[in-house]
Amino acid sequence: QAMQMRYGVEIGPGAAPNAAFGKPWDEAFIRRTFDGVDAA
């Protein structure tokens, strides 16, 4: 989700097992991570 939101890059489903696509994240939380790290 973050790569889609920040750069418009779709990385796709990834390769199992460590890329299992779980519950979607709240987009507001993702934006807060961008803003917080960039501001720091």
Full PDB file with SEQRES, HELIX, SHEET, SSBOND, CRYST1, ORIGX, SCALE, CONECT and MASTER records, all heavy atoms in Angstrom:
SEQRES   1 A   40  GLN ALA MET GLN MET ARG TYR GLY VAL GLU ILE GLY PRO          
SEQRES   2 A   40  GLY ALA ALA PRO ASN ALA ALA PHE GLY LYS PRO TRP ASP          
SEQRES   3 A   40  GLU ALA PHE ILE ARG ARG THR PHE ASP GLY VAL ASP ALA          
SEQRES   4 A   40  ALA                                                          
HELIX    1 AA1 ALA A    2  TYR A    7  1                                   6    
HELIX    2 AA2 GLU A   27  ALA A   39  1                                  13    
CRYST1    1.000    1.000    1.000  90.00  90.00  90.00 P 1           1          
ORIGX1      1.000000  0.000000  0.000000        0.00000                         
ORIGX2      0.000000  1.000000  0.000000        0.00000                         
ORIGX3      0.000000  0.000000  1.000000        0.00000                         
SCALE1      1.000000  0.000000  0.000000        0.00000                         
SCALE2      0.000000  1.000000  0.000000        0.00000                         
SCALE3      0.000000  0.000000  1.000000        0.00000                         
ATOM      1  N   GLN A   1       0.822  -1.210   0.000  1.00  0.00           N  
ATOM      2  CA  GLN A   1       0.000   0.000   0.000  1.00  0.00           C  
ATOM      3  C   GLN A   1       0.857   1.262   0.000  1.00  0.00           C  
ATOM      4  O   GLN A   1       0.544   2.238  -0.690  1.00  0.00           O  
ATOM      5  CB  GLN A   1      -0.925  -0.002   1.215  1.00  0.00           C  
ATOM      6  CG  GLN A   1      -2.070  -0.996   1.125  1.00  0.00           C  
ATOM      7  CD  GLN A   1      -2.918  -0.961   2.379  1.00  0.00           C  
ATOM      8  OE1 GLN A   1      -2.875  -1.878   3.196  1.00  0.00           O  
ATOM      9  NE2 GLN A   1      -3.675   0.105   2.559  1.00  0.00           N  
ATOM     10  N   ALA A   2       1.926   1.255   0.787  1.00  0.00           N  
ATOM     11  CA  ALA A   2       2.769   2.447   0.893  1.00  0.00           C  
ATOM     12  C   ALA A   2       3.420   2.784  -0.443  1.00  0.00           C  
ATOM     13  O   ALA A   2       3.516   3.960  -0.821  1.00  0.00           O  
ATOM     14  CB  ALA A   2       3.833   2.247   1.965  1.00  0.00           C  
ATOM     15  N   MET A   3       3.871   1.782  -1.169  1.00  0.00           N  
ATOM     16  CA  MET A   3       4.500   2.042  -2.469  1.00  0.00           C  
ATOM     17  C   MET A   3       3.486   2.566  -3.477  1.00  0.00           C  
ATOM     18  O   MET A   3       3.804   3.420  -4.321  1.00  0.00           O  
ATOM     19  CB  MET A   3       5.172   0.775  -2.989  1.00  0.00           C  
ATOM     20  CG  MET A   3       6.364   0.313  -2.156  1.00  0.00           C  
ATOM     21  SD  MET A   3       7.677   1.543  -1.976  1.00  0.00           S  
ATOM     22  CE  MET A   3       8.401   1.472  -3.614  1.00  0.00           C  
ATOM     23  N   GLN A   4       2.255   2.086  -3.396  1.00  0.00           N  
ATOM     24  CA  GLN A   4       1.193   2.612  -4.260  1.00  0.00           C  
ATOM     25  C   GLN A   4       0.910   4.071  -3.927  1.00  0.00           C  
ATOM     26  O   GLN A   4       0.803   4.924  -4.824  1.00  0.00           O  
ATOM     27  CB  GLN A   4      -0.088   1.786  -4.085  1.00  0.00           C  
ATOM     28  CG  GLN A   4      -0.027   0.388  -4.648  1.00  0.00           C  
ATOM     29  CD  GLN A   4      -1.244  -0.435  -4.212  1.00  0.00           C  
ATOM     30  OE1 GLN A   4      -1.853  -0.190  -3.159  1.00  0.00           O  
ATOM     31  NE2 GLN A   4      -1.597  -1.426  -5.012  1.00  0.00           N  
ATOM     32  N   MET A   5       0.787   4.364  -2.642  1.00  0.00           N  
ATOM     33  CA  MET A   5       0.408   5.710  -2.219  1.00  0.00           C  
ATOM     34  C   MET A   5       1.527   6.718  -2.468  1.00  0.00           C  
ATOM     35  O   MET A   5       1.275   7.851  -2.868  1.00  0.00           O  
ATOM     36  CB  MET A   5       0.027   5.699  -0.733  1.00  0.00           C  
ATOM     37  CG  MET A   5      -1.256   4.955  -0.431  1.00  0.00           C  
ATOM     38  SD  MET A   5      -1.553   4.724   1.356  1.00  0.00           S  
ATOM     39  CE  MET A   5      -1.618   6.425   1.922  1.00  0.00           C  
ATOM     40  N   ARG A   6       2.766   6.321  -2.198  1.00  0.00           N  
ATOM     41  CA  ARG A   6       3.868   7.283  -2.246  1.00  0.00           C  
ATOM     42  C   ARG A   6       4.401   7.483  -3.660  1.00  0.00           C  
ATOM     43  O   ARG A   6       4.727   8.606  -4.049  1.00  0.00           O  
ATOM     44  CB  ARG A   6       4.980   6.824  -1.306  1.00  0.00           C  
ATOM     45  CG  ARG A   6       6.176   7.769  -1.282  1.00  0.00           C  
ATOM     46  CD  ARG A   6       6.795   7.863   0.092  1.00  0.00           C  
ATOM     47  NE  ARG A   6       6.592   9.182   0.683  1.00  0.00           N  
ATOM     48  CZ  ARG A   6       7.262   9.664   1.719  1.00  0.00           C  
ATOM     49  NH1 ARG A   6       8.150   8.914   2.349  1.00  0.00           N  
ATOM     50  NH2 ARG A   6       7.041  10.875   2.184  1.00  0.00           N  
ATOM     51  N   TYR A   7       4.504   6.405  -4.436  1.00  0.00           N  
ATOM     52  CA  TYR A   7       5.171   6.494  -5.735  1.00  0.00           C  
ATOM     53  C   TYR A   7       4.339   5.989  -6.903  1.00  0.00           C  
ATOM     54  O   TYR A   7       4.809   6.018  -8.048  1.00  0.00           O  
ATOM     55  CB  TYR A   7       6.497   5.717  -5.696  1.00  0.00           C  
ATOM     56  CG  TYR A   7       7.442   6.204  -4.624  1.00  0.00           C  
ATOM     57  CD1 TYR A   7       7.943   5.328  -3.667  1.00  0.00           C  
ATOM     58  CD2 TYR A   7       7.826   7.540  -4.549  1.00  0.00           C  
ATOM     59  CE1 TYR A   7       8.809   5.761  -2.670  1.00  0.00           C  
ATOM     60  CE2 TYR A   7       8.682   7.993  -3.557  1.00  0.00           C  
ATOM     61  CZ  TYR A   7       9.174   7.096  -2.619  1.00  0.00           C  
ATOM     62  OH  TYR A   7      10.015   7.541  -1.639  1.00  0.00           O  
ATOM     63  N   GLY A   8       3.139   5.497  -6.620  1.00  0.00           N  
ATOM     64  CA  GLY A   8       2.331   4.944  -7.701  1.00  0.00           C  
ATOM     65  C   GLY A   8       2.918   3.671  -8.273  1.00  0.00           C  
ATOM     66  O   GLY A   8       2.690   3.346  -9.439  1.00  0.00           O  
ATOM     67  N   VAL A   9       3.667   2.929  -7.447  1.00  0.00           N  
ATOM     68  CA  VAL A   9       4.298   1.684  -7.882  1.00  0.00           C  
ATOM     69  C   VAL A   9       3.521   0.513  -7.286  1.00  0.00           C  
ATOM     70  O   VAL A   9       3.357   0.424  -6.066  1.00  0.00           O  
ATOM     71  CB  VAL A   9       5.773   1.616  -7.441  1.00  0.00           C  
ATOM     72  CG1 VAL A   9       6.348   0.226  -7.709  1.00  0.00           C  
ATOM     73  CG2 VAL A   9       6.594   2.675  -8.163  1.00  0.00           C  
ATOM     74  N   GLU A  10       3.053  -0.376  -8.141  1.00  0.00           N  
ATOM     75  CA  GLU A  10       2.354  -1.587  -7.709  1.00  0.00           C  
ATOM     76  C   GLU A  10       3.370  -2.732  -7.675  1.00  0.00           C  
ATOM     77  O   GLU A  10       3.868  -3.156  -8.717  1.00  0.00           O  
ATOM     78  CB  GLU A  10       1.218  -1.917  -8.672  1.00  0.00           C  
ATOM     79  CG  GLU A  10       0.539  -3.265  -8.421  1.00  0.00           C  
ATOM     80  CD  GLU A  10       0.055  -3.443  -6.993  1.00  0.00           C  
ATOM     81  OE1 GLU A  10      -0.900  -2.734  -6.604  1.00  0.00           O  
ATOM     82  OE2 GLU A  10       0.635  -4.272  -6.268  1.00  0.00           O  
ATOM     83  N   ILE A  11       3.688  -3.208  -6.467  1.00  0.00           N  
ATOM     84  CA  ILE A  11       4.678  -4.275  -6.362  1.00  0.00           C  
ATOM     85  C   ILE A  11       4.041  -5.653  -6.462  1.00  0.00           C  
ATOM     86  O   ILE A  11       4.755  -6.655  -6.581  1.00  0.00           O  
ATOM     87  CB  ILE A  11       5.498  -4.159  -5.064  1.00  0.00           C  
ATOM     88  CG1 ILE A  11       4.603  -4.262  -3.826  1.00  0.00           C  
ATOM     89  CG2 ILE A  11       6.310  -2.873  -5.063  1.00  0.00           C  
ATOM     90  CD1 ILE A  11       5.380  -4.333  -2.520  1.00  0.00           C  
ATOM     91  N   GLY A  12       2.705  -5.728  -6.411  1.00  0.00           N  
ATOM     92  CA  GLY A  12       2.036  -6.999  -6.595  1.00  0.00           C  
ATOM     93  C   GLY A  12       2.005  -7.859  -5.349  1.00  0.00           C  
ATOM     94  O   GLY A  12       2.315  -7.403  -4.242  1.00  0.00           O  
ATOM     95  N   PRO A  13       1.647  -9.129  -5.525  1.00  0.00           N  
ATOM     96  CA  PRO A  13       1.384 -10.004  -4.380  1.00  0.00           C  
ATOM     97  C   PRO A  13       2.629 -10.491  -3.666  1.00  0.00           C  
ATOM     98  O   PRO A  13       2.544 -10.996  -2.544  1.00  0.00           O  
ATOM     99  CB  PRO A  13       0.645 -11.184  -5.009  1.00  0.00           C  
ATOM    100  CG  PRO A  13       1.192 -11.248  -6.407  1.00  0.00           C  
ATOM    101  CD  PRO A  13       1.405  -9.812  -6.819  1.00  0.00           C  
ATOM    102  N   GLY A  14       3.788 -10.372  -4.286  1.00  0.00           N  
ATOM    103  CA  GLY A  14       4.993 -10.912  -3.672  1.00  0.00           C  
ATOM    104  C   GLY A  14       5.006 -12.425  -3.717  1.00  0.00           C  
ATOM    105  O   GLY A  14       4.058 -13.073  -4.177  1.00  0.00           O  
ATOM    106  N   ALA A  15       6.101 -13.005  -3.268  1.00  0.00           N  
ATOM    107  CA  ALA A  15       6.263 -14.456  -3.286  1.00  0.00           C  
ATOM    108  C   ALA A  15       6.153 -14.994  -1.867  1.00  0.00           C  
ATOM    109  O   ALA A  15       6.830 -14.517  -0.960  1.00  0.00           O  
ATOM    110  CB  ALA A  15       7.619 -14.824  -3.893  1.00  0.00           C  
ATOM    111  N   ALA A  16       5.290 -15.982  -1.682  1.00  0.00           N  
ATOM    112  CA  ALA A  16       5.114 -16.604  -0.370  1.00  0.00           C  
ATOM    113  C   ALA A  16       6.416 -17.288   0.049  1.00  0.00           C  
ATOM    114  O   ALA A  16       7.243 -17.621  -0.803  1.00  0.00           O  
ATOM    115  CB  ALA A  16       3.969 -17.608  -0.446  1.00  0.00           C  
ATOM    116  N   PRO A  17       6.657 -17.514   1.336  1.00  0.00           N  
ATOM    117  CA  PRO A  17       5.696 -17.336   2.426  1.00  0.00           C  
ATOM    118  C   PRO A  17       5.721 -15.964   3.091  1.00  0.00           C  
ATOM    119  O   PRO A  17       4.760 -15.611   3.775  1.00  0.00           O  
ATOM    120  CB  PRO A  17       6.146 -18.390   3.438  1.00  0.00           C  
ATOM    121  CG  PRO A  17       7.627 -18.451   3.246  1.00  0.00           C  
ATOM    122  CD  PRO A  17       7.861 -18.262   1.769  1.00  0.00           C  
ATOM    123  N   ASN A  18       6.787 -15.175   2.930  1.00  0.00           N  
ATOM    124  CA  ASN A  18       6.884 -13.961   3.744  1.00  0.00           C  
ATOM    125  C   ASN A  18       6.241 -12.754   3.090  1.00  0.00           C  
ATOM    126  O   ASN A  18       6.438 -11.637   3.529  1.00  0.00           O  
ATOM    127  CB  ASN A  18       8.344 -13.652   4.091  1.00  0.00           C  
ATOM    128  CG  ASN A  18       9.190 -13.349   2.869  1.00  0.00           C  
ATOM    129  OD1 ASN A  18       8.904 -13.844   1.789  1.00  0.00           O  
ATOM    130  ND2 ASN A  18      10.231 -12.551   3.032  1.00  0.00           N  
ATOM    131  N   ALA A  19       5.446 -12.983   2.042  1.00  0.00           N  
ATOM    132  CA  ALA A  19       4.780 -11.867   1.399  1.00  0.00           C  
ATOM    133  C   ALA A  19       3.270 -12.032   1.381  1.00  0.00           C  
ATOM    134  O   ALA A  19       2.588 -11.414   0.564  1.00  0.00           O  
ATOM    135  CB  ALA A  19       5.292 -11.711  -0.035  1.00  0.00           C  
ATOM    136  N   ALA A  20       2.765 -12.871   2.262  1.00  0.00           N  
ATOM    137  CA  ALA A  20       1.317 -13.061   2.303  1.00  0.00           C  
ATOM    138  C   ALA A  20       0.638 -11.717   2.544  1.00  0.00           C  
ATOM    139  O   ALA A  20       1.007 -10.977   3.450  1.00  0.00           O  
ATOM    140  CB  ALA A  20       0.955 -14.054   3.403  1.00  0.00           C  
ATOM    141  N   PHE A  21      -0.348 -11.407   1.717  1.00  0.00           N  
ATOM    142  CA  PHE A  21      -1.034 -10.122   1.819  1.00  0.00           C  
ATOM    143  C   PHE A  21      -2.108 -10.225   2.887  1.00  0.00           C  
ATOM    144  O   PHE A  21      -3.085 -10.950   2.731  1.00  0.00           O  
ATOM    145  CB  PHE A  21      -1.638  -9.731   0.468  1.00  0.00           C  
ATOM    146  CG  PHE A  21      -2.167  -8.320   0.439  1.00  0.00           C  
ATOM    147  CD1 PHE A  21      -1.317  -7.253   0.236  1.00  0.00           C  
ATOM    148  CD2 PHE A  21      -3.509  -8.052   0.633  1.00  0.00           C  
ATOM    149  CE1 PHE A  21      -1.792  -5.951   0.212  1.00  0.00           C  
ATOM    150  CE2 PHE A  21      -3.995  -6.764   0.623  1.00  0.00           C  
ATOM    151  CZ  PHE A  21      -3.140  -5.705   0.403  1.00  0.00           C  
ATOM    152  N   GLY A  22      -1.911  -9.521   3.977  1.00  0.00           N  
ATOM    153  CA  GLY A  22      -2.839  -9.600   5.093  1.00  0.00           C  
ATOM    154  C   GLY A  22      -3.878  -8.501   5.063  1.00  0.00           C  
ATOM    155  O   GLY A  22      -4.233  -7.969   4.009  1.00  0.00           O  
ATOM    156  N   LYS A  23      -4.335  -8.136   6.241  1.00  0.00           N  
ATOM    157  CA  LYS A  23      -5.379  -7.129   6.394  1.00  0.00           C  
ATOM    158  C   LYS A  23      -4.886  -5.771   5.885  1.00  0.00           C  
ATOM    159  O   LYS A  23      -3.769  -5.343   6.200  1.00  0.00           O  
ATOM    160  CB  LYS A  23      -5.758  -7.025   7.861  1.00  0.00           C  
ATOM    161  CG  LYS A  23      -6.852  -6.009   8.155  1.00  0.00           C  
ATOM    162  CD  LYS A  23      -7.150  -5.972   9.648  1.00  0.00           C  
ATOM    163  CE  LYS A  23      -8.191  -4.909   9.963  1.00  0.00           C  
ATOM    164  NZ  LYS A  23      -8.465  -4.838  11.426  1.00  0.00           N  
ATOM    165  N   PRO A  24      -5.696  -5.074   5.090  1.00  0.00           N  
ATOM    166  CA  PRO A  24      -5.280  -3.751   4.599  1.00  0.00           C  
ATOM    167  C   PRO A  24      -5.031  -2.779   5.750  1.00  0.00           C  
ATOM    168  O   PRO A  24      -5.691  -2.834   6.792  1.00  0.00           O  
ATOM    169  CB  PRO A  24      -6.475  -3.306   3.749  1.00  0.00           C  
ATOM    170  CG  PRO A  24      -7.170  -4.558   3.356  1.00  0.00           C  
ATOM    171  CD  PRO A  24      -6.982  -5.496   4.517  1.00  0.00           C  
ATOM    172  N   TRP A  25      -4.069  -1.900   5.530  1.00  0.00           N  
ATOM    173  CA  TRP A  25      -3.754  -0.871   6.512  1.00  0.00           C  
ATOM    174  C   TRP A  25      -4.643   0.353   6.324  1.00  0.00           C  
ATOM    175  O   TRP A  25      -5.116   0.632   5.223  1.00  0.00           O  
ATOM    176  CB  TRP A  25      -2.292  -0.444   6.359  1.00  0.00           C  
ATOM    177  CG  TRP A  25      -1.313  -1.457   6.849  1.00  0.00           C  
ATOM    178  CD1 TRP A  25      -0.888  -2.585   6.200  1.00  0.00           C  
ATOM    179  CD2 TRP A  25      -0.627  -1.445   8.105  1.00  0.00           C  
ATOM    180  NE1 TRP A  25       0.023  -3.278   6.952  1.00  0.00           N  
ATOM    181  CE2 TRP A  25       0.212  -2.597   8.132  1.00  0.00           C  
ATOM    182  CE3 TRP A  25      -0.616  -0.582   9.194  1.00  0.00           C  
ATOM    183  CZ2 TRP A  25       1.031  -2.901   9.218  1.00  0.00           C  
ATOM    184  CZ3 TRP A  25       0.206  -0.878  10.273  1.00  0.00           C  
ATOM    185  CH2 TRP A  25       1.015  -2.021  10.289  1.00  0.00           C  
ATOM    186  N   ASP A  26      -4.838   1.071   7.407  1.00  0.00           N  
ATOM    187  CA  ASP A  26      -5.543   2.343   7.356  1.00  0.00           C  
ATOM    188  C   ASP A  26      -4.665   3.358   6.621  1.00  0.00           C  
ATOM    189  O   ASP A  26      -3.516   3.595   7.008  1.00  0.00           O  
ATOM    190  CB  ASP A  26      -5.837   2.811   8.779  1.00  0.00           C  
ATOM    191  CG  ASP A  26      -6.489   4.181   8.826  1.00  0.00           C  
ATOM    192  OD1 ASP A  26      -7.248   4.507   7.897  1.00  0.00           O  
ATOM    193  OD2 ASP A  26      -6.211   4.934   9.778  1.00  0.00           O  
ATOM    194  N   GLU A  27      -5.178   3.952   5.564  1.00  0.00           N  
ATOM    195  CA  GLU A  27      -4.373   4.879   4.771  1.00  0.00           C  
ATOM    196  C   GLU A  27      -3.941   6.096   5.586  1.00  0.00           C  
ATOM    197  O   GLU A  27      -2.862   6.654   5.344  1.00  0.00           O  
ATOM    198  CB  GLU A  27      -5.130   5.301   3.518  1.00  0.00           C  
ATOM    199  CG  GLU A  27      -5.274   4.174   2.498  1.00  0.00           C  
ATOM    200  CD  GLU A  27      -5.802   4.661   1.162  1.00  0.00           C  
ATOM    201  OE1 GLU A  27      -6.070   5.885   1.024  1.00  0.00           O  
ATOM    202  OE2 GLU A  27      -5.928   3.827   0.241  1.00  0.00           O  
ATOM    203  N   ALA A  28      -4.762   6.501   6.523  1.00  0.00           N  
ATOM    204  CA  ALA A  28      -4.376   7.643   7.361  1.00  0.00           C  
ATOM    205  C   ALA A  28      -3.131   7.302   8.194  1.00  0.00           C  
ATOM    206  O   ALA A  28      -2.256   8.158   8.389  1.00  0.00           O  
ATOM    207  CB  ALA A  28      -5.535   8.042   8.274  1.00  0.00           C  
ATOM    208  N   PHE A  29      -3.047   6.062   8.685  1.00  0.00           N  
ATOM    209  CA  PHE A  29      -1.859   5.645   9.427  1.00  0.00           C  
ATOM    210  C   PHE A  29      -0.629   5.687   8.517  1.00  0.00           C  
ATOM    211  O   PHE A  29       0.445   6.163   8.918  1.00  0.00           O  
ATOM    212  CB  PHE A  29      -2.037   4.232   9.987  1.00  0.00           C  
ATOM    213  CG  PHE A  29      -0.765   3.650  10.547  1.00  0.00           C  
ATOM    214  CD1 PHE A  29      -0.327   3.986  11.815  1.00  0.00           C  
ATOM    215  CD2 PHE A  29       0.010   2.784   9.782  1.00  0.00           C  
ATOM    216  CE1 PHE A  29       0.858   3.478  12.324  1.00  0.00           C  
ATOM    217  CE2 PHE A  29       1.206   2.262  10.282  1.00  0.00           C  
ATOM    218  CZ  PHE A  29       1.623   2.610  11.555  1.00  0.00           C  
ATOM    219  N   ILE A  30      -0.766   5.182   7.294  1.00  0.00           N  
ATOM    220  CA  ILE A  30       0.376   5.174   6.378  1.00  0.00           C  
ATOM    221  C   ILE A  30       0.840   6.600   6.108  1.00  0.00           C  
ATOM    222  O   ILE A  30       2.043   6.887   6.124  1.00  0.00           O  
ATOM    223  CB  ILE A  30       0.009   4.450   5.060  1.00  0.00           C  
ATOM    224  CG1 ILE A  30      -0.272   2.970   5.341  1.00  0.00           C  
ATOM    225  CG2 ILE A  30       1.126   4.599   4.034  1.00  0.00           C  
ATOM    226  CD1 ILE A  30      -0.737   2.182   4.129  1.00  0.00           C  
ATOM    227  N   ARG A  31      -0.089   7.509   5.908  1.00  0.00           N  
ATOM    228  CA  ARG A  31       0.299   8.918   5.680  1.00  0.00           C  
ATOM    229  C   ARG A  31       1.003   9.493   6.901  1.00  0.00           C  
ATOM    230  O   ARG A  31       1.954  10.270   6.776  1.00  0.00           O  
ATOM    231  CB  ARG A  31      -0.932   9.747   5.326  1.00  0.00           C  
ATOM    232  CG  ARG A  31      -1.530   9.416   3.969  1.00  0.00           C  
ATOM    233  CD  ARG A  31      -2.561  10.457   3.543  1.00  0.00           C  
ATOM    234  NE  ARG A  31      -3.198  10.058   2.306  1.00  0.00           N  
ATOM    235  CZ  ARG A  31      -4.332   9.368   2.219  1.00  0.00           C  
ATOM    236  NH1 ARG A  31      -4.971   9.022   3.335  1.00  0.00           N  
ATOM    237  NH2 ARG A  31      -4.832   9.040   1.051  1.00  0.00           N  
ATOM    238  N   ARG A  32       0.555   9.111   8.092  1.00  0.00           N  
ATOM    239  CA  ARG A  32       1.215   9.601   9.309  1.00  0.00           C  
ATOM    240  C   ARG A  32       2.646   9.086   9.391  1.00  0.00           C  
ATOM    241  O   ARG A  32       3.536   9.800   9.871  1.00  0.00           O  
ATOM    242  CB  ARG A  32       0.425   9.181  10.556  1.00  0.00           C  
ATOM    243  CG  ARG A  32      -0.858   9.971  10.774  1.00  0.00           C  
ATOM    244  CD  ARG A  32      -1.383   9.810  12.202  1.00  0.00           C  
ATOM    245  NE  ARG A  32      -1.737   8.440  12.535  1.00  0.00           N  
ATOM    246  CZ  ARG A  32      -2.927   7.901  12.297  1.00  0.00           C  
ATOM    247  NH1 ARG A  32      -3.887   8.617  11.727  1.00  0.00           N  
ATOM    248  NH2 ARG A  32      -3.170   6.639  12.644  1.00  0.00           N  
ATOM    249  N   THR A  33       2.880   7.855   8.937  1.00  0.00           N  
ATOM    250  CA  THR A  33       4.256   7.353   8.956  1.00  0.00           C  
ATOM    251  C   THR A  33       5.123   8.169   7.983  1.00  0.00           C  
ATOM    252  O   THR A  33       6.264   8.499   8.294  1.00  0.00           O  
ATOM    253  CB  THR A  33       4.333   5.855   8.598  1.00  0.00           C  
ATOM    254  OG1 THR A  33       3.897   5.617   7.256  1.00  0.00           O  
ATOM    255  CG2 THR A  33       3.509   5.036   9.573  1.00  0.00           C  
ATOM    256  N   PHE A  34       4.596   8.465   6.806  1.00  0.00           N  
ATOM    257  CA  PHE A  34       5.343   9.294   5.861  1.00  0.00           C  
ATOM    258  C   PHE A  34       5.685  10.649   6.488  1.00  0.00           C  
ATOM    259  O   PHE A  34       6.837  11.095   6.467  1.00  0.00           O  
ATOM    260  CB  PHE A  34       4.529   9.558   4.581  1.00  0.00           C  
ATOM    261  CG  PHE A  34       4.218   8.348   3.742  1.00  0.00           C  
ATOM    262  CD1 PHE A  34       3.204   8.399   2.795  1.00  0.00           C  
ATOM    263  CD2 PHE A  34       4.926   7.160   3.874  1.00  0.00           C  
ATOM    264  CE1 PHE A  34       2.911   7.319   1.985  1.00  0.00           C  
ATOM    265  CE2 PHE A  34       4.636   6.067   3.074  1.00  0.00           C  
ATOM    266  CZ  PHE A  34       3.614   6.143   2.132  1.00  0.00           C  
ATOM    267  N   ASP A  35       4.644  11.287   7.036  1.00  0.00           N  
ATOM    268  CA  ASP A  35       4.826  12.640   7.578  1.00  0.00           C  
ATOM    269  C   ASP A  35       5.777  12.645   8.770  1.00  0.00           C  
ATOM    270  O   ASP A  35       6.629  13.538   8.909  1.00  0.00           O  
ATOM    271  CB  ASP A  35       3.466  13.219   7.990  1.00  0.00           C  
ATOM    272  CG  ASP A  35       2.554  13.480   6.793  1.00  0.00           C  
ATOM    273  OD1 ASP A  35       3.037  13.504   5.656  1.00  0.00           O  
ATOM    274  OD2 ASP A  35       1.332  13.635   7.029  1.00  0.00           O  
ATOM    275  N   GLY A  36       5.645  11.648   9.647  1.00  0.00           N  
ATOM    276  CA  GLY A  36       6.467  11.613  10.846  1.00  0.00           C  
ATOM    277  C   GLY A  36       7.929  11.400  10.544  1.00  0.00           C  
ATOM    278  O   GLY A  36       8.802  12.105  11.078  1.00  0.00           O  
ATOM    279  N   VAL A  37       8.239  10.440   9.682  1.00  0.00           N  
ATOM    280  CA  VAL A  37       9.636  10.137   9.354  1.00  0.00           C  
ATOM    281  C   VAL A  37      10.259  11.299   8.565  1.00  0.00           C  
ATOM    282  O   VAL A  37      11.389  11.719   8.826  1.00  0.00           O  
ATOM    283  CB  VAL A  37       9.753   8.819   8.571  1.00  0.00           C  
ATOM    284  CG1 VAL A  37      11.170   8.593   8.056  1.00  0.00           C  
ATOM    285  CG2 VAL A  37       9.334   7.639   9.465  1.00  0.00           C  
ATOM    286  N   ASP A  38       9.527  11.819   7.613  1.00  0.00           N  
ATOM    287  CA  ASP A  38      10.047  12.940   6.821  1.00  0.00           C  
ATOM    288  C   ASP A  38      10.306  14.170   7.699  1.00  0.00           C  
ATOM    289  O   ASP A  38      11.339  14.843   7.558  1.00  0.00           O  
ATOM    290  CB  ASP A  38       9.075  13.313   5.702  1.00  0.00           C  
ATOM    291  CG  ASP A  38       9.029  12.267   4.592  1.00  0.00           C  
ATOM    292  OD1 ASP A  38       9.867  11.360   4.592  1.00  0.00           O  
ATOM    293  OD2 ASP A  38       8.156  12.384   3.712  1.00  0.00           O  
ATOM    294  N   ALA A  39       9.379  14.455   8.607  1.00  0.00           N  
ATOM    295  CA  ALA A  39       9.562  15.614   9.476  1.00  0.00           C  
ATOM    296  C   ALA A  39      10.763  15.432  10.393  1.00  0.00           C  
ATOM    297  O   ALA A  39      11.525  16.379  10.642  1.00  0.00           O  
ATOM    298  CB  ALA A  39       8.287  15.840  10.308  1.00  0.00           C  
ATOM    299  N   ALA A  40      10.960  14.209  10.904  1.00  0.00           N  
ATOM    300  CA  ALA A  40      12.103  13.959  11.788  1.00  0.00           C  
ATOM    301  C   ALA A  40      13.443  14.159  11.077  1.00  0.00           C  
ATOM    302  O   ALA A  40      14.429  14.552  11.700  1.00  0.00           O  
ATOM    303  CB  ALA A  40      12.017  12.532  12.346  1.00  0.00           C  
TER     304      ALA A  40                                                      
MASTER        0    0    0    2    0    0    0    6  303    1    0    4          
END                                                                             
